[in-house]
Amino acid sequence: MDFISPATTPVIRTIARAVRDRKGATAVEYGMIVAFVVIAMIVGLATLGRATTGLWTSIETKVTAAR
C-alpha cells in the first residue's frame, strides 16, 4: 500500500470499521420506516387536499348563489 498516503490510512480504517459494525443497521431501518411513513402522509394529505378543495369550491358556489 505504498500508493496510499499516511494521512488517509486512519480514514480507511474508520470506513472499514463502520462497514463491519452492525449497530447502525437498526437506525437505518428505522430511518427508512420513517421515510416511508412520511411519503405515505404526503400522498394522503395531497389527495385529501384536492378533495377538500372541491368541497370548499362547491360550498363557495352555493353561498354565492344564495345571496
PDB file of N, CA and C in Angstrom:
ATOM      1  N   MET A   1       0.825  -1.189   0.000  1.00  0.00           N
ATOM      2  CA  MET A   1       0.000   0.000   0.000  1.00  0.00           C
ATOM      3  C   MET A   1       0.867   1.250   0.000  1.00  0.00           C
ATOM      4  N   ASP A   2       1.846   1.290  -0.820  1.00  0.00           N
ATOM      5  CA  ASP A   2       2.727   2.445  -0.880  1.00  0.00           C
ATOM      6  C   ASP A   2       2.060   3.634  -1.547  1.00  0.00           C
ATOM      7  N   PHE A   3       1.019   3.384  -2.326  1.00  0.00           N
ATOM      8  CA  PHE A   3       0.380   4.478  -3.059  1.00  0.00           C
ATOM      9  C   PHE A   3      -0.601   5.266  -2.192  1.00  0.00           C
ATOM     10  N   ILE A   4      -0.913   4.793  -1.000  1.00  0.00           N
ATOM     11  CA  ILE A   4      -1.835   5.491  -0.105  1.00  0.00           C
ATOM     12  C   ILE A   4      -1.026   6.314   0.884  1.00  0.00           C
ATOM     13  N   SER A   5      -1.378   7.576   1.003  1.00  0.00           N
ATOM     14  CA  SER A   5      -0.636   8.445   1.918  1.00  0.00           C
ATOM     15  C   SER A   5      -0.944   8.074   3.364  1.00  0.00           C
ATOM     16  N   PRO A   6      -0.020   8.338   4.270  1.00  0.00           N
ATOM     17  CA  PRO A   6      -0.255   8.015   5.684  1.00  0.00           C
ATOM     18  C   PRO A   6      -1.458   8.756   6.272  1.00  0.00           C
ATOM     19  N   ALA A   7      -1.817   9.882   5.712  1.00  0.00           N
ATOM     20  CA  ALA A   7      -2.948  10.651   6.234  1.00  0.00           C
ATOM     21  C   ALA A   7      -4.278   9.957   5.956  1.00  0.00           C
ATOM     22  N   THR A   8      -4.359   9.179   4.887  1.00  0.00           N
ATOM     23  CA  THR A   8      -5.624   8.524   4.545  1.00  0.00           C
ATOM     24  C   THR A   8      -5.804   7.183   5.242  1.00  0.00           C
ATOM     25  N   THR A   9      -4.749   6.637   5.825  1.00  0.00           N
ATOM     26  CA  THR A   9      -4.851   5.340   6.493  1.00  0.00           C
ATOM     27  C   THR A   9      -5.878   5.343   7.628  1.00  0.00           C
ATOM     28  N   PRO A  10      -5.917   6.347   8.519  1.00  0.00           N
ATOM     29  CA  PRO A  10      -6.969   6.352   9.552  1.00  0.00           C
ATOM     30  C   PRO A  10      -8.375   6.436   8.967  1.00  0.00           C
ATOM     31  N   VAL A  11      -8.506   7.136   7.866  1.00  0.00           N
ATOM     32  CA  VAL A  11      -9.823   7.241   7.223  1.00  0.00           C
ATOM     33  C   VAL A  11     -10.256   5.876   6.711  1.00  0.00           C
ATOM     34  N   ILE A  12      -9.335   5.160   6.098  1.00  0.00           N
ATOM     35  CA  ILE A  12      -9.649   3.824   5.577  1.00  0.00           C
ATOM     36  C   ILE A  12     -10.008   2.888   6.726  1.00  0.00           C
ATOM     37  N   ARG A  13      -9.279   2.968   7.835  1.00  0.00           N
ATOM     38  CA  ARG A  13      -9.596   2.128   8.997  1.00  0.00           C
ATOM     39  C   ARG A  13     -10.984   2.454   9.545  1.00  0.00           C
ATOM     40  N   THR A  14     -11.313   3.736   9.604  1.00  0.00           N
ATOM     41  CA  THR A  14     -12.625   4.151  10.111  1.00  0.00           C
ATOM     42  C   THR A  14     -13.739   3.637   9.211  1.00  0.00           C
ATOM     43  N   ILE A  15     -13.542   3.733   7.906  1.00  0.00           N
ATOM     44  CA  ILE A  15     -14.551   3.244   6.959  1.00  0.00           C
ATOM     45  C   ILE A  15     -14.706   1.736   7.084  1.00  0.00           C
ATOM     46  N   ALA A  16     -13.591   1.018   7.187  1.00  0.00           N
ATOM     47  CA  ALA A  16     -13.647  -0.439   7.328  1.00  0.00           C
ATOM     48  C   ALA A  16     -14.357  -0.832   8.619  1.00  0.00           C
ATOM     49  N   ARG A  17     -14.096  -0.115   9.701  1.00  0.00           N
ATOM     50  CA  ARG A  17     -14.756  -0.392  10.978  1.00  0.00           C
ATOM     51  C   ARG A  17     -16.260  -0.129  10.867  1.00  0.00           C
ATOM     52  N   ALA A  18     -16.630   0.942  10.178  1.00  0.00           N
ATOM     53  CA  ALA A  18     -18.048   1.279  10.018  1.00  0.00           C
ATOM     54  C   ALA A  18     -18.778   0.231   9.185  1.00  0.00           C
ATOM     55  N   VAL A  19     -18.089  -0.320   8.189  1.00  0.00           N
ATOM     56  CA  VAL A  19     -18.708  -1.347   7.350  1.00  0.00           C
ATOM     57  C   VAL A  19     -18.944  -2.625   8.153  1.00  0.00           C
ATOM     58  N   ARG A  20     -18.019  -2.965   9.039  1.00  0.00           N
ATOM     59  CA  ARG A  20     -18.161  -4.179   9.855  1.00  0.00           C
ATOM     60  C   ARG A  20     -19.164  -4.003  10.990  1.00  0.00           C
ATOM     61  N   ASP A  21     -19.360  -2.776  11.445  1.00  0.00           N
ATOM     62  CA  ASP A  21     -20.235  -2.513  12.588  1.00  0.00           C
ATOM     63  C   ASP A  21     -21.692  -2.638  12.165  1.00  0.00           C
ATOM     64  N   ARG A  22     -22.463  -3.460  12.864  1.00  0.00           N
ATOM     65  CA  ARG A  22     -23.865  -3.687  12.513  1.00  0.00           C
ATOM     66  C   ARG A  22     -24.821  -2.892  13.393  1.00  0.00           C
ATOM     67  N   LYS A  23     -24.304  -2.139  14.355  1.00  0.00           N
ATOM     68  CA  LYS A  23     -25.165  -1.390  15.269  1.00  0.00           C
ATOM     69  C   LYS A  23     -25.987  -0.328  14.544  1.00  0.00           C
ATOM     70  N   GLY A  24     -25.437   0.260  13.518  1.00  0.00           N
ATOM     71  CA  GLY A  24     -26.135   1.319  12.798  1.00  0.00           C
ATOM     72  C   GLY A  24     -27.227   0.812  11.878  1.00  0.00           C
ATOM     73  N   ALA A  25     -27.271  -0.496  11.653  1.00  0.00           N
ATOM     74  CA  ALA A  25     -28.273  -1.053  10.737  1.00  0.00           C
ATOM     75  C   ALA A  25     -29.686  -0.792  11.244  1.00  0.00           C
ATOM     76  N   THR A  26     -29.898  -0.903  12.534  1.00  0.00           N
ATOM     77  CA  THR A  26     -31.228  -0.664  13.090  1.00  0.00           C
ATOM     78  C   THR A  26     -31.647   0.783  12.891  1.00  0.00           C
ATOM     79  N   ALA A  27     -30.723   1.697  13.090  1.00  0.00           N
ATOM     80  CA  ALA A  27     -31.033   3.116  12.892  1.00  0.00           C
ATOM     81  C   ALA A  27     -31.403   3.386  11.440  1.00  0.00           C
ATOM     82  N   VAL A  28     -30.703   2.758  10.522  1.00  0.00           N
ATOM     83  CA  VAL A  28     -31.014   2.937   9.100  1.00  0.00           C
ATOM     84  C   VAL A  28     -32.396   2.370   8.797  1.00  0.00           C
ATOM     85  N   GLU A  29     -32.702   1.217   9.365  1.00  0.00           N
ATOM     86  CA  GLU A  29     -34.021   0.617   9.132  1.00  0.00           C
ATOM     87  C   GLU A  29     -35.135   1.504   9.679  1.00  0.00           C
ATOM     88  N   TYR A  30     -34.944   2.030  10.880  1.00  0.00           N
ATOM     89  CA  TYR A  30     -35.946   2.945  11.438  1.00  0.00           C
ATOM     90  C   TYR A  30     -36.060   4.209  10.587  1.00  0.00           C
ATOM     91  N   GLY A  31     -34.958   4.685  10.088  1.00  0.00           N
ATOM     92  CA  GLY A  31     -34.982   5.858   9.213  1.00  0.00           C
ATOM     93  C   GLY A  31     -35.774   5.598   7.946  1.00  0.00           C
ATOM     94  N   MET A  32     -35.614   4.404   7.388  1.00  0.00           N
ATOM     95  CA  MET A  32     -36.368   4.057   6.181  1.00  0.00           C
ATOM     96  C   MET A  32     -37.860   3.945   6.487  1.00  0.00           C
ATOM     97  N   ILE A  33     -38.205   3.376   7.640  1.00  0.00           N
ATOM     98  CA  ILE A  33     -39.618   3.279   8.023  1.00  0.00           C
ATOM     99  C   ILE A  33     -40.220   4.671   8.162  1.00  0.00           C
ATOM    100  N   VAL A  34     -39.498   5.563   8.819  1.00  0.00           N
ATOM    101  CA  VAL A  34     -39.981   6.941   8.982  1.00  0.00           C
ATOM    102  C   VAL A  34     -40.145   7.603   7.621  1.00  0.00           C
ATOM    103  N   ALA A  35     -39.192   7.384   6.718  1.00  0.00           N
ATOM    104  CA  ALA A  35     -39.276   7.978   5.381  1.00  0.00           C
ATOM    105  C   ALA A  35     -40.517   7.478   4.643  1.00  0.00           C
ATOM    106  N   PHE A  36     -40.791   6.177   4.724  1.00  0.00           N
ATOM    107  CA  PHE A  36     -41.973   5.632   4.051  1.00  0.00           C
ATOM    108  C   PHE A  36     -43.263   6.174   4.660  1.00  0.00           C
ATOM    109  N   VAL A  37     -43.300   6.327   5.974  1.00  0.00           N
ATOM    110  CA  VAL A  37     -44.485   6.887   6.631  1.00  0.00           C
ATOM    111  C   VAL A  37     -44.701   8.329   6.186  1.00  0.00           C
ATOM    112  N   VAL A  38     -43.625   9.099   6.110  1.00  0.00           N
ATOM    113  CA  VAL A  38     -43.734  10.497   5.677  1.00  0.00           C
ATOM    114  C   VAL A  38     -44.221  10.570   4.234  1.00  0.00           C
ATOM    115  N   ILE A  39     -43.697   9.715   3.373  1.00  0.00           N
ATOM    116  CA  ILE A  39     -44.140   9.702   1.970  1.00  0.00           C
ATOM    117  C   ILE A  39     -45.627   9.353   1.895  1.00  0.00           C
ATOM    118  N   ALA A  40     -46.062   8.368   2.675  1.00  0.00           N
ATOM    119  CA  ALA A  40     -47.483   7.998   2.680  1.00  0.00           C
ATOM    120  C   ALA A  40     -48.342   9.150   3.179  1.00  0.00           C
ATOM    121  N   MET A  41     -47.859   9.866   4.191  1.00  0.00           N
ATOM    122  CA  MET A  41     -48.614  11.016   4.706  1.00  0.00           C
ATOM    123  C   MET A  41     -48.718  12.116   3.657  1.00  0.00           C
ATOM    124  N   ILE A  42     -47.641  12.380   2.947  1.00  0.00           N
ATOM    125  CA  ILE A  42     -47.660  13.426   1.919  1.00  0.00           C
ATOM    126  C   ILE A  42     -48.658  13.069   0.826  1.00  0.00           C
ATOM    127  N   VAL A  43     -48.618  11.818   0.375  1.00  0.00           N
ATOM    128  CA  VAL A  43     -49.554  11.387  -0.674  1.00  0.00           C
ATOM    129  C   VAL A  43     -50.995  11.475  -0.165  1.00  0.00           C
ATOM    130  N   GLY A  44     -51.225  11.014   1.055  1.00  0.00           N
ATOM    131  CA  GLY A  44     -52.577  11.062   1.619  1.00  0.00           C
ATOM    132  C   GLY A  44     -53.082  12.476   1.797  1.00  0.00           C
ATOM    133  N   LEU A  45     -52.233  13.347   2.317  1.00  0.00           N
ATOM    134  CA  LEU A  45     -52.653  14.738   2.522  1.00  0.00           C
ATOM    135  C   LEU A  45     -52.859  15.469   1.198  1.00  0.00           C
ATOM    136  N   ALA A  46     -52.060  15.155   0.190  1.00  0.00           N
ATOM    137  CA  ALA A  46     -52.260  15.777  -1.120  1.00  0.00           C
ATOM    138  C   ALA A  46     -53.607  15.357  -1.703  1.00  0.00           C
ATOM    139  N   THR A  47     -53.929  14.081  -1.573  1.00  0.00           N
ATOM    140  CA  THR A  47     -55.223  13.589  -2.057  1.00  0.00           C
ATOM    141  C   THR A  47     -56.369  14.222  -1.278  1.00  0.00           C
ATOM    142  N   LEU A  48     -56.229  14.272   0.032  1.00  0.00           N
ATOM    143  CA  LEU A  48     -57.247  14.893   0.875  1.00  0.00           C
ATOM    144  C   LEU A  48     -57.390  16.379   0.549  1.00  0.00           C
ATOM    145  N   GLY A  49     -56.288  17.040   0.283  1.00  0.00           N
ATOM    146  CA  GLY A  49     -56.324  18.463  -0.063  1.00  0.00           C
ATOM    147  C   GLY A  49     -57.106  18.720  -1.337  1.00  0.00           C
ATOM    148  N   ARG A  50     -56.885  17.864  -2.335  1.00  0.00           N
ATOM    149  CA  ARG A  50     -57.640  18.019  -3.588  1.00  0.00           C
ATOM    150  C   ARG A  50     -59.126  17.779  -3.358  1.00  0.00           C
ATOM    151  N   ALA A  51     -59.458  16.801  -2.532  1.00  0.00           N
ATOM    152  CA  ALA A  51     -60.869  16.501  -2.255  1.00  0.00           C
ATOM    153  C   ALA A  51     -61.528  17.645  -1.498  1.00  0.00           C
ATOM    154  N   THR A  52     -60.843  18.208  -0.522  1.00  0.00           N
ATOM    155  CA  THR A  52     -61.443  19.299   0.247  1.00  0.00           C
ATOM    156  C   THR A  52     -61.490  20.590  -0.548  1.00  0.00           C
ATOM    157  N   THR A  53     -60.581  20.765  -1.485  1.00  0.00           N
ATOM    158  CA  THR A  53     -60.644  21.952  -2.342  1.00  0.00           C
ATOM    159  C   THR A  53     -61.931  21.935  -3.154  1.00  0.00           C
ATOM    160  N   GLY A  54     -62.269  20.778  -3.694  1.00  0.00           N
ATOM    161  CA  GLY A  54     -63.528  20.646  -4.431  1.00  0.00           C
ATOM    162  C   GLY A  54     -64.729  20.896  -3.544  1.00  0.00           C
ATOM    163  N   LEU A  55     -64.678  20.424  -2.321  1.00  0.00           N
ATOM    164  CA  LEU A  55     -65.771  20.633  -1.369  1.00  0.00           C
ATOM    165  C   LEU A  55     -65.947  22.113  -1.061  1.00  0.00           C
ATOM    166  N   TRP A  56     -64.863  22.808  -0.757  1.00  0.00           N
ATOM    167  CA  TRP A  56     -64.949  24.233  -0.423  1.00  0.00           C
ATOM    168  C   TRP A  56     -65.366  25.071  -1.634  1.00  0.00           C
ATOM    169  N   THR A  57     -64.944  24.672  -2.816  1.00  0.00           N
ATOM    170  CA  THR A  57     -65.377  25.377  -4.029  1.00  0.00           C
ATOM    171  C   THR A  57     -66.880  25.217  -4.217  1.00  0.00           C
ATOM    172  N   SER A  58     -67.384  24.026  -3.970  1.00  0.00           N
ATOM    173  CA  SER A  58     -68.827  23.783  -4.076  1.00  0.00           C
ATOM    174  C   SER A  58     -69.599  24.619  -3.058  1.00  0.00           C
ATOM    175  N   ILE A  59     -69.103  24.678  -1.832  1.00  0.00           N
ATOM    176  CA  ILE A  59     -69.754  25.489  -0.791  1.00  0.00           C
ATOM    177  C   ILE A  59     -69.730  26.961  -1.172  1.00  0.00           C
ATOM    178  N   GLU A  60     -68.606  27.421  -1.687  1.00  0.00           N
ATOM    179  CA  GLU A  60     -68.497  28.829  -2.094  1.00  0.00           C
ATOM    180  C   GLU A  60     -69.504  29.157  -3.191  1.00  0.00           C
ATOM    181  N   THR A  61     -69.637  28.265  -4.157  1.00  0.00           N
ATOM    182  CA  THR A  61     -70.577  28.478  -5.254  1.00  0.00           C
ATOM    183  C   THR A  61     -72.016  28.552  -4.736  1.00  0.00           C
ATOM    184  N   LYS A  62     -72.366  27.669  -3.826  1.00  0.00           N
ATOM    185  CA  LYS A  62     -73.731  27.655  -3.290  1.00  0.00           C
ATOM    186  C   LYS A  62     -74.014  28.883  -2.432  1.00  0.00           C
ATOM    187  N   VAL A  63     -73.030  29.319  -1.646  1.00  0.00           N
ATOM    188  CA  VAL A  63     -73.224  30.512  -0.814  1.00  0.00           C
ATOM    189  C   VAL A  63     -73.357  31.748  -1.695  1.00  0.00           C
ATOM    190  N   THR A  64     -72.536  31.837  -2.722  1.00  0.00           N
ATOM    191  CA  THR A  64     -72.607  32.981  -3.638  1.00  0.00           C
ATOM    192  C   THR A  64     -73.951  32.999  -4.363  1.00  0.00           C
ATOM    193  N   ALA A  65     -74.435  31.841  -4.774  1.00  0.00           N
ATOM    194  CA  ALA A  65     -75.720  31.765  -5.474  1.00  0.00           C
ATOM    195  C   ALA A  65     -76.886  32.086  -4.542  1.00  0.00           C
ATOM    196  N   ALA A  66     -76.744  31.828  -3.251  1.00  0.00           N
ATOM    197  CA  ALA A  66     -77.828  32.068  -2.297  1.00  0.00           C
ATOM    198  C   ALA A  66     -77.985  33.547  -1.965  1.00  0.00           C
ATOM    199  N   ARG A  67     -77.002  34.338  -2.248  1.00  0.00           N
ATOM    200  CA  ARG A  67     -77.092  35.769  -1.933  1.00  0.00           C
ATOM    201  C   ARG A  67     -78.074  36.386  -2.818  1.00  0.00           C
TER     202      ARG A  67
END
